[in-house]
Protein backbone atom coordinates (compact mmCIF):
# COMPACT_ATOMS: atom_id res chain seq x y z
CA UNK A 1 56.39 115.03 98.21
CA UNK A 2 55.38 111.81 98.02
CA UNK A 3 54.71 109.92 101.94
CA UNK A 4 58.30 109.64 103.35
CA UNK A 5 59.26 106.72 105.24
CA UNK A 6 61.41 107.43 108.37
CA UNK A 7 63.88 105.07 109.10
CA UNK A 8 64.12 103.36 112.33
CA UNK A 9 67.35 102.65 114.24
CA UNK A 10 68.21 98.80 114.17
CA UNK A 11 69.99 96.71 116.75
CA UNK A 12 73.12 96.54 114.21
CA UNK A 13 73.62 100.28 114.52
CA UNK A 14 76.44 100.56 116.72
CA UNK A 15 75.94 104.04 117.66
CA UNK A 16 73.48 104.14 121.23
CA UNK A 17 71.29 106.90 122.05
CA UNK A 18 72.43 106.78 125.80
CA UNK A 19 72.77 110.74 127.05
CA UNK A 20 70.29 111.95 124.66
CA UNK A 21 66.65 113.14 124.98
CA UNK A 22 64.44 114.66 122.92
CA UNK A 23 63.85 118.48 123.16
CA UNK A 24 60.45 120.06 122.98
CA UNK A 25 61.21 120.90 119.69
CA UNK A 26 61.17 117.14 118.51
CA UNK A 27 64.70 117.05 117.91
CA UNK A 28 67.14 114.47 119.73
CA UNK A 29 69.88 116.57 121.56
CA UNK A 30 72.87 115.36 123.91
CA UNK A 31 72.01 116.06 127.70
CA UNK A 32 75.08 117.64 128.69
CA UNK A 33 76.81 120.19 126.05
CA UNK A 34 78.70 123.35 126.54
CA UNK A 35 76.27 126.18 125.41
CA UNK A 36 78.60 128.11 123.20
CA UNK A 37 82.19 127.58 121.47
CA UNK A 38 83.29 130.76 123.83
CA UNK A 39 82.62 128.33 126.84
CA UNK A 40 84.68 125.42 125.00
CA UNK A 41 87.76 127.88 124.28
CA UNK A 42 87.55 129.39 127.68
CA UNK A 43 87.44 126.17 129.53
CA UNK A 44 89.96 124.67 127.69
CA UNK A 45 92.71 127.46 128.42
CA UNK A 46 91.78 127.08 132.37
CA UNK A 47 91.90 123.57 132.59
CA UNK A 48 94.99 123.28 130.28
CA UNK A 49 96.49 126.43 129.67
CA UNK A 50 99.91 124.59 128.63
CA UNK A 51 98.30 122.16 126.13
CA UNK A 52 99.18 122.58 122.34
CA UNK A 53 96.01 124.16 120.85
CA UNK A 54 97.35 124.84 117.19
CA UNK A 55 100.27 124.11 115.29
CA UNK A 56 100.96 125.23 111.84
CA UNK A 57 103.62 123.12 109.83
CA UNK A 58 106.39 125.33 109.23
CA UNK A 59 104.82 128.19 111.16
CA UNK A 60 103.63 129.13 114.83
CA UNK A 61 102.67 126.77 117.76
CA UNK A 62 99.99 128.17 120.48
CA UNK A 63 98.61 126.55 123.47
CA UNK A 64 95.42 127.15 125.03
CA UNK A 65 96.05 130.08 127.24
CA UNK A 66 97.79 132.09 124.33
CA UNK A 67 95.24 131.03 121.56
CA UNK A 68 92.56 132.56 123.78
CA UNK A 69 94.75 135.45 124.66
CA UNK A 70 95.93 136.23 121.12
CA UNK A 71 92.06 135.48 119.50
CA UNK A 72 90.77 137.68 122.60
CA UNK A 73 92.83 140.70 121.42
CA UNK A 74 91.67 139.96 117.62
CA UNK A 75 88.14 140.45 118.99
CA UNK A 76 89.11 143.41 120.68
CA UNK A 77 90.28 145.06 117.65
CA UNK A 78 87.28 144.00 115.88
CA UNK A 79 84.87 145.55 118.44
CA UNK A 80 86.95 148.40 118.38
CA UNK A 81 86.60 148.52 114.34
CA UNK A 82 82.90 148.80 115.15
CA UNK A 83 82.01 144.90 114.78
CA UNK A 84 78.73 143.90 116.85
CA UNK A 85 77.13 140.68 117.77
CA UNK A 86 75.85 139.29 114.77
CA UNK A 87 77.91 141.35 112.31
CA UNK A 88 79.78 139.03 109.97
CA UNK A 89 83.44 138.94 109.29
CA UNK A 90 84.72 137.37 106.13
CA UNK A 91 87.96 134.73 106.59
CA UNK A 92 90.02 134.92 103.64
CA UNK A 93 93.39 133.60 105.09
CA UNK A 94 94.97 130.75 103.97
CA UNK A 95 94.83 127.85 106.33
CA UNK A 96 97.02 128.44 109.46
CA UNK A 97 97.52 129.84 112.65
CA UNK A 98 96.18 133.43 111.37
CA UNK A 99 92.53 131.58 109.85
CA UNK A 100 92.19 130.27 113.34
CA UNK A 101 92.57 133.39 115.36
CA UNK A 102 90.59 135.12 112.85
CA UNK A 103 88.00 132.43 113.37
CA UNK A 104 88.29 132.43 117.18
CA UNK A 105 88.30 136.28 117.44
CA UNK A 106 85.05 136.68 115.43
CA UNK A 107 83.23 134.13 117.67
CA UNK A 108 84.50 135.75 120.84
CA UNK A 109 83.83 139.30 119.56
CA UNK A 110 80.05 138.12 119.21
CA UNK A 111 80.42 138.22 115.43
CA UNK A 112 79.82 135.45 112.59
CA UNK A 113 82.65 134.03 110.78
CA UNK A 114 82.31 133.85 107.06
CA UNK A 115 84.52 130.90 105.91
CA UNK A 116 85.46 132.09 102.41
CA UNK A 117 86.61 129.61 99.67
CA UNK A 118 90.09 130.52 98.95
CA UNK A 119 90.23 128.72 95.60
CA UNK A 120 87.46 130.95 94.25
CA UNK A 121 88.02 133.57 91.89
CA UNK A 122 87.69 137.26 92.93
CA UNK A 123 84.15 137.53 91.12
CA UNK A 124 82.91 134.42 93.35
CA UNK A 125 84.50 136.00 96.68
CA UNK A 126 83.06 139.14 95.96
CA UNK A 127 79.44 137.31 95.40
CA UNK A 128 80.22 135.78 98.98
CA UNK A 129 81.37 138.70 100.58
CA UNK A 130 78.07 140.53 99.13
CA UNK A 131 75.66 137.79 99.71
CA UNK A 132 76.80 137.81 103.56
CA UNK A 133 76.98 141.09 104.18
CA UNK A 134 80.26 141.05 105.41
CA UNK A 135 81.47 144.56 106.20
CA UNK A 136 84.72 143.28 107.42
CA UNK A 137 87.06 141.17 105.52
CA UNK A 138 90.30 139.55 107.02
CA UNK A 139 92.70 139.24 104.08
CA UNK A 140 95.91 137.19 103.43
CA UNK A 141 98.10 140.33 103.16
CA UNK A 142 96.81 142.63 106.24
CA UNK A 143 97.39 142.06 109.88
CA UNK A 144 94.66 140.75 111.95
CA UNK A 145 92.61 143.31 114.12
CA UNK A 146 94.68 143.95 117.39
CA UNK A 147 93.17 145.64 120.53
CA UNK A 148 92.12 145.25 124.16
CA UNK A 149 91.23 141.53 125.08
CA UNK A 150 87.38 141.18 124.67
CA UNK A 151 85.21 138.03 125.07
CA UNK A 152 81.55 138.30 124.29
CA UNK A 153 79.83 136.76 127.17
CA UNK A 154 75.83 136.70 126.28
CA UNK A 155 76.00 134.41 123.30
CA UNK A 156 73.26 131.57 123.12
CA UNK A 157 73.54 127.97 122.22
CA UNK A 158 71.41 128.74 118.98
CA UNK A 159 72.79 132.13 117.87
CA UNK A 160 74.91 131.68 114.58
CA UNK A 161 78.74 131.53 114.89
CA UNK A 162 79.61 130.98 111.28
CA UNK A 163 78.64 130.85 107.67
CA UNK A 164 80.01 128.09 105.52
CA UNK A 165 79.27 128.44 101.46
CA UNK A 166 78.40 125.27 99.85
CA UNK A 167 77.73 125.15 95.89
CA UNK A 168 73.83 124.77 95.02
CA UNK A 169 72.41 123.62 91.95
CA UNK A 170 71.25 127.29 90.95
CA UNK A 171 75.16 127.53 90.43
CA UNK A 172 75.51 130.46 93.23
CA UNK A 173 77.32 129.49 96.55
CA UNK A 174 74.65 129.45 99.22
CA UNK A 175 75.29 130.49 102.87
CA UNK A 176 74.72 127.92 105.50
CA UNK A 177 74.39 129.46 109.00
CA UNK A 178 75.80 127.18 111.79
CA UNK A 179 74.70 127.37 115.24
CA UNK A 180 77.01 127.13 118.53
CA UNK A 181 74.79 124.23 119.08
CA UNK A 182 75.51 122.60 115.58
CA UNK A 183 79.28 122.67 116.10
CA UNK A 184 79.09 121.53 119.67
CA UNK A 185 76.69 118.76 118.73
CA UNK A 186 78.97 117.50 115.98
CA UNK A 187 81.89 117.65 117.92
CA UNK A 188 80.15 115.33 120.29
CA UNK A 189 78.87 112.96 117.67
CA UNK A 190 82.70 112.99 116.62
CA UNK A 191 83.74 111.66 119.95
CA UNK A 192 80.87 109.41 120.52
CA UNK A 193 80.65 107.81 117.24
CA UNK A 194 84.57 107.26 116.56
CA UNK A 195 85.45 106.65 120.30
CA UNK A 196 88.08 109.51 120.49
CA UNK A 197 89.87 110.11 123.52
CA UNK A 198 90.63 113.62 124.38
CA UNK A 199 93.45 115.42 126.01
CA UNK A 200 97.15 116.03 124.91
CA UNK A 201 97.12 112.48 123.13
CA UNK A 202 94.72 113.74 120.47
CA UNK A 203 96.56 115.32 117.53
CA UNK A 204 94.61 115.30 114.47
CA UNK A 205 96.26 116.55 111.27
CA UNK A 206 94.31 118.81 108.88
CA UNK A 207 95.33 118.87 105.30
CA UNK A 208 91.89 119.47 103.92
CA UNK A 209 90.75 122.96 103.93
CA UNK A 210 89.57 125.03 106.92
CA UNK A 211 86.87 126.63 104.85
CA UNK A 212 84.93 122.96 104.70
CA UNK A 213 83.27 121.83 107.65
CA UNK A 214 85.47 118.86 107.82
CA UNK A 215 88.44 120.57 108.30
CA UNK A 216 86.82 122.89 110.68
CA UNK A 217 83.82 121.32 112.51
CA UNK A 218 85.05 117.67 112.65
CA UNK A 219 88.82 118.52 113.21
CA UNK A 220 89.71 121.78 114.32
CA UNK A 221 86.88 122.28 116.56
CA UNK A 222 86.47 118.88 117.58
CA UNK A 223 90.29 118.77 118.84
CA UNK A 224 89.33 122.26 120.73
CA UNK A 225 86.26 120.37 122.51
CA UNK A 226 88.40 117.47 123.57
CA UNK A 227 91.41 119.48 124.49
CA UNK A 228 93.62 118.02 121.52
CA UNK A 229 96.03 119.43 119.32
CA UNK A 230 95.14 120.57 115.64
CA UNK A 231 98.30 120.20 113.62
CA UNK A 232 97.51 122.46 110.10
CA UNK A 233 99.26 121.71 107.00
CA UNK A 234 98.76 125.20 104.98
CA UNK A 235 99.29 123.19 101.85
CA UNK A 236 99.15 119.85 100.37
CA UNK A 237 102.70 118.41 100.06
CA UNK A 238 102.91 114.16 100.39
CA UNK A 239 106.56 114.57 101.91
CA UNK A 240 105.64 117.36 104.49
CA UNK A 241 102.62 115.31 105.34
CA UNK A 242 104.53 112.29 105.77
CA UNK A 243 107.20 113.71 107.98
CA UNK A 244 104.36 115.67 109.81
CA UNK A 245 102.76 112.19 110.98
CA UNK A 246 106.22 111.30 113.10
CA UNK A 247 107.29 114.50 113.90
CA UNK A 248 104.12 115.96 115.52
CA UNK A 249 102.81 112.36 116.65
CA UNK A 250 99.87 112.94 114.91
CA UNK A 251 96.94 110.24 116.10
CA UNK A 252 93.75 110.87 114.03
CA UNK A 253 93.64 112.18 110.23
CA UNK A 254 91.07 113.15 107.54
CA UNK A 255 91.18 113.28 103.80
CA UNK A 256 89.39 112.17 100.72
CA UNK A 257 90.60 108.99 99.08
CA UNK A 258 92.18 110.46 96.38
CA UNK A 259 95.12 111.82 98.76
CA UNK A 260 95.26 108.58 100.64
CA UNK A 261 96.01 106.75 97.19
CA UNK A 262 98.71 109.39 96.63
CA UNK A 263 100.13 109.13 100.34
CA UNK A 264 100.05 105.31 99.97
CA UNK A 265 102.12 105.50 96.86
CA UNK A 266 104.77 107.85 98.20
CA UNK A 267 104.82 105.69 101.57
CA UNK A 268 105.94 102.68 99.27
CA UNK A 269 108.80 104.77 97.80
CA UNK A 270 109.57 106.48 101.37
CA UNK A 271 108.83 104.24 104.18
CA UNK A 272 107.91 106.09 107.39
CA UNK A 273 107.04 105.42 110.92
CA UNK A 274 103.21 105.55 110.60
CA UNK A 275 102.80 103.45 114.12
CA UNK A 276 101.36 106.51 115.95
CA UNK A 277 98.14 106.97 113.59
CA UNK A 278 95.30 105.29 115.76
CA UNK A 279 92.54 106.84 113.67
CA UNK A 280 92.05 107.20 109.69
CA UNK A 281 88.83 108.89 108.76
CA UNK A 282 87.91 109.46 104.82
CA UNK A 283 85.05 110.73 102.95
CA UNK A 284 83.64 113.14 100.16
CA UNK A 285 84.04 110.75 97.52
CA UNK A 286 83.73 106.85 97.14
CA UNK A 287 86.33 104.98 98.10
CA UNK A 288 87.27 101.26 96.80
CA UNK A 289 87.61 98.08 98.99
CA UNK A 290 91.30 97.71 97.96
CA UNK A 291 91.86 101.07 98.99
CA UNK A 292 90.46 100.20 102.71
CA UNK A 293 92.74 97.06 102.62
CA UNK A 294 95.64 99.13 101.96
CA UNK A 295 95.11 101.80 104.69
CA UNK A 296 94.83 98.89 107.18
CA UNK A 297 97.87 96.87 105.80
CA UNK A 298 100.10 100.22 106.06
CA UNK A 299 98.52 102.10 109.41
CA UNK A 300 98.74 98.43 111.15
CA UNK A 301 97.49 100.65 114.40
CA UNK A 302 94.77 102.39 113.27
CA UNK A 303 91.02 102.14 113.00
CA UNK A 304 89.39 103.38 109.56
CA UNK A 305 85.96 105.12 109.24
CA UNK A 306 83.88 106.43 106.56
CA UNK A 307 82.07 109.69 107.59
CA UNK A 308 79.36 111.13 105.52
CA UNK A 309 78.04 114.88 106.00
CA UNK A 310 77.44 118.12 104.38
CA UNK A 311 77.71 121.91 104.96
CA UNK A 312 73.91 122.01 105.65
CA UNK A 313 74.47 119.56 108.49
CA UNK A 314 77.56 120.97 110.04
CA UNK A 315 79.34 117.77 109.15
CA UNK A 316 78.43 114.29 110.16
CA UNK A 317 75.08 112.52 109.13
CA UNK A 318 76.14 109.02 109.16
CA UNK A 319 79.55 106.83 109.76
CA UNK A 320 80.64 103.51 108.66
CA UNK A 321 82.55 102.17 111.56
CA UNK A 322 85.90 100.14 111.44
CA UNK A 323 84.37 96.78 111.48
CA UNK A 324 82.30 97.50 108.16
CA UNK A 325 85.02 99.44 106.19
CA UNK A 326 86.27 96.90 104.22
CA UNK A 327 83.34 94.39 103.80
CA UNK A 328 80.70 97.48 103.09
CA UNK A 329 83.53 99.70 101.58
CA UNK A 330 80.52 101.50 99.17
CA UNK A 331 78.47 102.57 102.16
CA UNK A 332 78.10 105.78 103.90
CA UNK A 333 77.20 103.82 107.16
CA UNK A 334 74.45 104.27 110.13
CA UNK A 335 72.87 107.18 111.40
CA UNK A 336 74.51 109.06 114.22
CA UNK A 337 73.16 109.91 117.17
CA UNK A 338 71.17 112.65 116.91
CA UNK A 339 70.09 112.70 113.37
CA UNK A 340 66.94 111.07 112.30
CA UNK A 341 66.75 109.79 108.91
CA UNK A 342 64.20 109.49 106.13
CA UNK A 343 63.49 108.35 102.37
CA UNK A 344 61.58 110.02 100.11
CA UNK A 345 60.54 106.65 98.19
CA UNK A 346 61.39 106.51 94.60
CA UNK A 347 61.97 102.89 93.58
CA UNK A 348 60.40 100.81 96.48
CA UNK A 349 60.67 101.51 100.27
CA UNK A 350 64.20 101.30 100.62
CA UNK A 351 65.36 103.39 97.66
CA UNK A 352 64.87 107.05 97.61
CA UNK A 353 66.29 110.44 98.28
CA UNK A 354 67.66 110.79 101.84
CA UNK A 355 65.98 113.48 104.32
CA UNK A 356 67.72 114.68 107.68
CA UNK A 357 66.95 116.42 110.47
CA UNK A 358 68.41 117.27 113.79
CA UNK A 359 70.04 120.34 115.94
CA UNK A 360 72.87 120.10 113.45
CA UNK A 361 70.90 120.82 110.57
CA UNK A 362 70.26 124.26 109.19
CA UNK A 363 66.68 126.10 109.17
CA UNK A 364 67.19 128.71 106.27
CA UNK A 365 70.26 129.50 103.98
CA UNK A 366 71.41 132.88 104.54
CA UNK A 367 69.58 135.40 102.92
CA UNK A 368 66.92 133.18 101.64
CA UNK A 369 63.28 133.96 102.59
CA UNK A 370 62.53 130.28 101.44
CA UNK A 371 62.92 127.65 104.54
CA UNK A 372 65.46 125.04 103.27
CA UNK A 373 63.32 122.50 105.13
CA UNK A 374 60.15 120.42 104.05
CA UNK A 375 58.20 119.67 107.04
CA UNK A 376 60.91 119.60 109.10
CA UNK A 377 63.09 117.59 106.96
CA UNK A 378 66.47 118.67 104.81
CA UNK A 379 66.68 117.39 101.44
CA UNK A 380 70.25 116.13 100.96
CA UNK A 381 69.74 115.58 96.95
CA UNK A 382 71.61 111.82 97.84
CA UNK A 383 69.53 108.95 96.15
CA UNK A 384 70.29 106.22 98.84
CA UNK A 385 69.40 102.53 99.33
CA UNK A 386 69.01 101.18 103.16
CA UNK A 387 69.92 97.71 103.70
CA UNK A 388 68.27 95.47 106.61
CA UNK A 389 71.14 96.40 109.14
CA UNK A 390 70.20 100.12 108.58
CA UNK A 391 73.44 100.76 106.42
CA UNK A 392 72.97 103.48 103.76
CA UNK A 393 74.65 103.31 100.55
CA UNK A 394 74.23 106.54 97.80
CA UNK A 395 73.36 105.41 94.42
CA UNK A 396 72.79 108.37 92.51
CA UNK A 397 72.25 112.30 92.92
CA UNK A 398 69.16 114.24 92.77
CA UNK A 399 71.00 117.40 92.67
CA UNK A 400 73.10 117.54 89.57
CA UNK A 401 76.34 117.91 91.08
CA UNK A 402 79.84 116.79 90.40
CA UNK A 403 82.05 115.58 93.51
CA UNK A 404 85.63 116.20 92.37
CA UNK A 405 88.15 114.76 95.23
CA UNK A 406 85.74 116.03 97.69
CA UNK A 407 84.99 119.40 95.97
CA UNK A 408 81.22 119.99 95.24
CA UNK A 409 80.74 121.51 91.91
CA UNK A 410 77.26 122.71 90.64
CA UNK A 411 77.26 121.56 86.66
CA UNK A 412 74.87 124.34 86.29
CA UNK A 413 77.62 127.09 87.05
CA UNK A 414 80.08 125.44 84.53
CA UNK A 415 77.85 125.38 81.92
CA UNK A 416 76.67 129.26 82.66
CA UNK A 417 80.47 130.00 82.46
CA UNK A 418 80.80 128.11 78.95
CA UNK A 419 77.60 129.39 77.42
CA UNK A 420 78.70 132.94 78.58
CA UNK A 421 81.97 132.34 76.22
CA UNK A 422 81.91 133.62 72.70
CA UNK A 423 81.66 130.64 70.25
CA UNK A 424 79.88 128.39 72.70
CA UNK A 425 76.11 128.02 71.29
CA UNK A 426 75.17 125.05 74.11
CA UNK A 427 76.78 123.31 76.89
CA UNK A 428 76.44 120.23 79.05
CA UNK A 429 78.30 119.27 82.10
CA UNK A 430 78.55 116.03 83.70
CA UNK A 431 81.01 113.84 86.06
CA UNK A 432 83.64 111.78 84.66
CA UNK A 433 84.52 108.43 86.73
CA UNK A 434 87.85 108.61 87.83
CA UNK A 435 90.27 106.21 89.89
CA UNK A 436 92.03 109.21 91.70
CA UNK A 437 89.46 111.98 92.24
CA UNK A 438 86.30 110.29 92.16
CA UNK A 439 84.90 112.41 89.34
CA UNK A 440 86.68 115.03 87.24
CA UNK A 441 84.57 117.44 84.86
CA UNK A 442 83.50 116.80 81.48
CA UNK A 443 81.67 119.20 79.25
CA UNK A 444 80.13 118.50 75.76
CA UNK A 445 79.89 121.80 73.55
CA UNK A 446 77.78 122.75 70.71
CA UNK A 447 80.03 125.42 68.92
CA UNK A 448 78.30 128.57 67.55
CA UNK A 449 80.42 128.10 64.36
CA UNK A 450 83.00 126.24 62.59
CA UNK A 451 85.83 128.49 63.70
CA UNK A 452 85.99 127.16 67.42
CA UNK A 453 89.02 126.68 69.55
CA UNK A 454 88.82 124.31 72.48
CA UNK A 455 91.79 125.91 74.23
CA UNK A 456 90.63 129.41 74.20
CA UNK A 457 87.17 128.88 75.66
CA UNK A 458 88.56 126.66 78.33
CA UNK A 459 91.15 129.45 78.65
CA UNK A 460 88.19 132.36 79.09
CA UNK A 461 86.31 130.17 81.56
CA UNK A 462 89.44 129.66 83.97
CA UNK A 463 89.32 133.01 84.25
CA UNK A 464 85.79 133.16 85.84
CA UNK A 465 85.54 130.03 87.62
CA UNK A 466 87.79 128.32 90.35
CA UNK A 467 90.47 125.76 88.54
CA UNK A 468 89.08 122.88 90.11
CA UNK A 469 85.64 123.73 88.25
CA UNK A 470 87.27 124.13 84.96
CA UNK A 471 86.35 121.20 82.47
CA UNK A 472 89.41 118.72 81.96
CA UNK A 473 87.48 116.68 79.34
CA UNK A 474 85.92 118.13 76.46
CA UNK A 475 83.84 116.89 73.51
CA UNK A 476 82.79 118.93 70.46
CA UNK A 477 79.35 118.02 68.58
CA UNK A 478 77.64 119.64 65.95
CA UNK A 479 74.26 118.24 66.55
CA UNK A 480 71.78 119.89 69.30
CA UNK A 481 72.04 118.44 72.68
CA UNK A 482 69.61 115.72 73.43
CA UNK A 483 66.71 116.94 75.38
CA UNK A 484 63.10 115.58 76.26
CA UNK A 485 59.72 116.92 75.12
CA UNK A 486 60.20 119.65 78.03
CA UNK A 487 63.58 120.89 77.07
CA UNK A 488 65.47 119.11 79.88
CA UNK A 489 68.78 117.91 78.93
CA UNK A 490 68.92 114.01 78.75
CA UNK A 491 72.52 113.76 80.69
CA UNK A 492 72.34 110.10 80.88
CA UNK A 493 72.78 109.87 77.02
CA UNK A 494 75.63 112.00 77.19
CA UNK A 495 77.39 110.07 79.98
CA UNK A 496 76.96 106.89 78.07
CA UNK A 497 77.18 107.91 74.56
CA UNK A 498 80.32 110.24 74.44
CA UNK A 499 84.12 109.42 73.69
CA UNK A 500 85.85 111.74 75.90
CA UNK A 501 89.32 111.09 74.54
CA UNK A 502 92.51 112.21 76.22
CA UNK A 503 92.04 114.96 79.28
CA UNK A 504 93.11 118.48 78.29
CA UNK A 505 95.37 118.81 81.37
């Protein structure tokens, strides 16, 4: 590792450090935070028992008193089934009240909630459940555990509360243990950097998956931390989403740019009162300045922001505030208060791989012996530049990943599925730029023989990996894939030299 350059905070960074201090560990932390998520939920149920906590669009509505009562019964059922503090409980339910009760019930039992990507295939789900060592799986078609109310009262800030799985460059999902402190640090960061006011007026529309840190950490748990309401849309339905903005008095929404593109098109066809929305967040993929401008023109009461984070950082690393959203749309903004950033220089001191440390950053991947940190820093795999004001801009990926509409896809995982299919000799997978999704999956395949059927290969691949990972573009070539002297694929040549033609779907 070359000498890193730690980035200093500039006067232009709008996120002050008041109310923070350096802990003995050397990490910056907030002065006053609740100790655990358990404390947050019990406090909210005591202070605002009849405030709506969770609304499932088309389903149940729970206030904080009811959420605590029902989640504690789930906890009691888990404990009666043998779950002990630190045991893992896998959540396979779709987004909705049952997922929320499963999550909070696991935490109240002292267990560790394992958020399973519901879009995974059965083999992928089986891998996650086995890797996490989850003996209990809460499935979509089974009733939640039920028992005498139970609340685990001895959890600590550094105890792991949940594990989220992220795609890795090895192709296998990796578990990211997330502590109570990491969850609560992110919630307080959300409050400070976005100027969110708590209470019953905060109503956030969750249309992104709860198994992702955006939906769970930055919306569901932030709303609970601030005493607001999480309104969950179980599946993306543009008409239902627009109606919900008005019917549920939504004040805060977050999704990927691709969905905002679709929403704006639908709004042009079916005008809707969106004046109650005061905060709009986006991230997970690049956004065009024109789309930011269109959002501002449509949601006239709203401030807009770009949030950048990772599963490994419990969500936010940096935020681009409303003041810069249009003029610097290609930026991911400034470091948030608790986060220290550094560059491993590649081409000059202001260009390199982004490194991060903070109380929200993981120490080790679940079940991995090697530390995820290098000298205390986590390598994000994103190559960035930093301007004189301290704004960051992603220019490349050190890790070979594709970002399709906010979903990270490991190229090597798709390549492995392709080459494991009869008739495929070699395969290389790259991201294809797309105005709506950010990137789509493209595959260059070298067939093993002349009798080669693209449709058959893609059909077989779709049986082994999630649908969003399956290539939408395929180019067949007869010559070997380009490699350097060490055998490494030269993907830049593939990106620049392939005529992709029409998508398969």
